[in-house]
Structure formats: structure tokens, C-alpha cells
Amino acid sequence: MNEIVTLVKEFAFEAAHRLPNVPAENKCHRLHGHSYGVEIHVTGEVDPGQGWLIDYADIKKAAGPVIERLDHRYLNEIEDLENPTSERIAAWIWERLAPALPGLSLIVIRETSTSRCLYRGPGGADRRGNPCQGIQD
């Protein structure tokens, strides 16, 4: 029996940013900060010998340095984050983690307790990590 699971490892970082491409009257155009939450989802088959998909420590080892690059920073000054929307931050993290984390299936960026972005990679993926067209649940 092939057991498909998704493991989730959570991270947090504090950062300031502004969105230069929105109208000047939009509050996000001004400098402000967030206590960001990040979820890294890895999906795949459970290894029958080990009984797990991946060690959570391996997710932390891959993601920790990436999150550290964002923590207590002005995000607009980071290369490829000149317009640091939640969508762009999620894609930026994905681009850096995908080579190190086979089975990476979802990045969640939480700006506030009520606002989050779910990013399933360039082509998207279903719950089993299979490529799909658009977002499907």
C-alpha cells in the first residue's frame, strides 16, 4: 500500500517592506512590517522501511537559511524581492527550496492572522504533489 502524506514545518520571521507598484494612496505603498508565518509542505510516499517521508530536521536544515535571509530585513532590498508581495515572497522561497526538498508541494505565507498566500509552485500541484493545471483541492 502506498501511503501518501504531507508533512508541514512552520517558521516565522519579522520584516519590513513596502509595495512600490500599488497606488500611492494604498496603505501597503507605505513602509510597514509584518510578523510573517511560513509553512513548508512536503508531499510524497512514506518509506516503508523508515516509516516516514522525510525527517523534519531535514526540512529545517533546508529552509532555515532561506528564512534567515528574510528575518529582520527590509525585504525590498533583497534581490528578486523588490516588489515583495506575499505571492512573490512565496515564489522566492520556493525557488530556493525546490532543489533541496524533493516533494515540496506548498508554501504558505501568512502576513496577518487573517491573510495568507498559498503557492504550489510554477505549475501547481495536487494534494499528492502531482503537477496540475491551476490550484485544485
Protein backbone atom coordinates (compact mmCIF):
# COMPACT_ATOMS: atom_id res chain seq x y z
CA MET A 1 0.00 0.00 0.00
CA ASN A 2 1.38 3.41 -0.99
CA GLU A 3 0.81 5.84 1.84
CA ILE A 4 0.86 9.45 0.61
CA VAL A 5 1.36 12.05 3.32
CA THR A 6 2.10 15.75 3.58
CA LEU A 7 4.44 16.97 6.30
CA VAL A 8 4.31 20.61 7.38
CA LYS A 9 7.11 22.54 9.08
CA GLU A 10 6.39 26.06 10.34
CA PHE A 11 8.74 29.02 10.52
CA ALA A 12 8.42 32.70 11.42
CA PHE A 13 10.27 35.88 10.57
CA GLU A 14 9.90 39.61 11.15
CA ALA A 15 10.42 42.00 8.27
CA ALA A 16 9.55 45.41 6.84
CA HIS A 17 8.51 46.14 3.28
CA ARG A 18 6.51 48.38 1.03
CA LEU A 19 4.75 47.65 -2.23
CA PRO A 20 6.06 50.18 -4.77
CA ASN A 21 3.76 49.03 -7.59
CA VAL A 22 0.43 49.75 -5.87
CA PRO A 23 -1.19 53.21 -5.96
CA ALA A 24 0.36 55.76 -3.58
CA GLU A 25 -2.90 56.03 -1.63
CA ASN A 26 -2.86 52.29 -0.82
CA LYS A 27 -1.65 51.69 2.75
CA CYS A 28 0.72 48.96 1.53
CA HIS A 29 2.59 51.55 -0.55
CA ARG A 30 3.97 52.95 2.72
CA LEU A 31 6.73 51.30 4.73
CA HIS A 32 5.29 48.80 7.22
CA GLY A 33 6.13 45.46 8.78
CA HIS A 34 4.73 42.02 9.47
CA SER A 35 5.32 39.09 11.77
CA TYR A 36 5.30 36.59 8.92
CA GLY A 37 4.45 32.93 9.30
CA VAL A 38 5.70 30.39 6.77
CA GLU A 39 4.60 26.80 6.25
CA ILE A 40 6.70 24.43 4.16
CA HIS A 41 4.70 21.41 2.90
CA VAL A 42 6.42 18.30 1.58
CA THR A 43 4.28 15.56 0.00
CA GLY A 44 5.16 12.04 -1.01
CA GLU A 45 5.13 8.34 -0.22
CA VAL A 46 6.04 7.06 3.22
CA ASP A 47 9.22 4.99 3.10
CA PRO A 48 8.08 1.58 4.37
CA GLY A 49 11.45 0.84 5.97
CA GLN A 50 11.84 4.10 7.85
CA GLY A 51 8.14 4.73 8.35
CA TRP A 52 8.39 8.37 7.34
CA LEU A 53 8.53 10.63 4.31
CA ILE A 54 11.38 12.87 5.47
CA ASP A 55 12.89 13.90 8.78
CA TYR A 56 11.50 17.25 9.98
CA ALA A 57 15.12 18.17 10.76
CA ASP A 58 15.92 17.90 7.05
CA ILE A 59 13.15 20.37 6.23
CA LYS A 60 14.51 22.73 8.89
CA LYS A 61 18.06 22.32 7.57
CA ALA A 62 16.95 23.27 4.04
CA ALA A 63 14.53 26.07 4.96
CA GLY A 64 16.28 27.64 7.95
CA PRO A 65 18.97 29.51 5.98
CA VAL A 66 16.39 30.74 3.45
CA ILE A 67 14.11 32.12 6.17
CA GLU A 68 17.14 33.63 7.93
CA ARG A 69 17.84 35.72 4.80
CA LEU A 70 14.42 37.36 5.32
CA ASP A 71 14.39 37.80 9.10
CA HIS A 72 14.66 41.36 10.41
CA ARG A 73 15.28 42.73 6.92
CA TYR A 74 13.84 45.36 4.64
CA LEU A 75 12.56 42.93 2.01
CA ASN A 76 12.68 45.44 -0.87
CA GLU A 77 16.48 45.40 -0.63
CA ILE A 78 16.73 41.64 -1.27
CA GLU A 79 17.49 40.64 -4.86
CA ASP A 80 14.33 39.45 -6.66
CA LEU A 81 12.09 40.86 -3.88
CA GLU A 82 11.98 44.48 -5.00
CA ASN A 83 8.15 44.21 -5.01
CA PRO A 84 7.71 41.87 -2.01
CA THR A 85 4.07 40.81 -2.17
CA SER A 86 3.08 37.62 -0.34
CA GLU A 87 2.85 35.95 -3.74
CA ARG A 88 6.39 36.96 -4.67
CA ILE A 89 7.81 36.00 -1.25
CA ALA A 90 6.26 32.54 -1.57
CA ALA A 91 7.69 32.06 -5.07
CA TRP A 92 11.09 33.35 -3.91
CA ILE A 93 11.18 30.79 -1.10
CA TRP A 94 10.01 28.02 -3.46
CA GLU A 95 12.78 28.81 -5.97
CA ARG A 96 15.40 28.36 -3.25
CA LEU A 97 13.91 25.27 -1.58
CA ALA A 98 12.70 23.16 -4.51
CA PRO A 99 16.18 21.86 -5.45
CA ALA A 100 16.85 20.75 -1.85
CA LEU A 101 13.41 19.37 -0.98
CA PRO A 102 12.02 16.76 -3.37
CA GLY A 103 8.29 16.60 -2.82
CA LEU A 104 7.95 20.30 -1.98
CA SER A 105 4.24 20.79 -2.59
CA LEU A 106 3.12 24.04 -0.97
CA ILE A 107 4.46 27.23 0.58
CA VAL A 108 2.10 29.22 2.79
CA ILE A 109 2.93 32.83 3.66
CA ARG A 110 0.94 34.41 6.50
CA GLU A 111 1.11 38.20 6.68
CA THR A 112 -1.55 38.52 9.38
CA SER A 113 -3.90 36.24 11.28
CA THR A 114 -6.48 36.71 8.50
CA SER A 115 -4.36 36.99 5.34
CA ARG A 116 -2.27 34.29 3.71
CA CYS A 117 -0.98 33.16 0.33
CA LEU A 118 -0.78 29.52 -0.80
CA TYR A 119 1.80 28.84 -3.50
CA ARG A 120 2.00 25.44 -5.18
CA GLY A 121 4.98 26.09 -7.42
CA PRO A 122 5.28 27.18 -11.04
CA GLY A 123 2.83 24.56 -12.35
CA GLY A 124 0.89 23.94 -9.16
CA ALA A 125 0.42 20.54 -7.56
CA ASP A 126 -2.41 18.50 -6.19
CA ARG A 127 -2.52 17.03 -2.69
CA ARG A 128 -0.24 14.20 -3.76
CA GLY A 129 2.33 16.58 -5.21
CA ASN A 130 1.39 15.74 -8.80
CA PRO A 131 1.55 18.62 -11.31
CA CYS A 132 -1.82 20.10 -12.17
CA GLN A 133 -3.29 23.00 -14.08
CA GLY A 134 -4.20 25.70 -11.59
CA ILE A 135 -5.00 25.16 -7.95
CA GLN A 136 -7.05 22.08 -7.15
CA ASP A 137 -8.10 20.79 -3.73
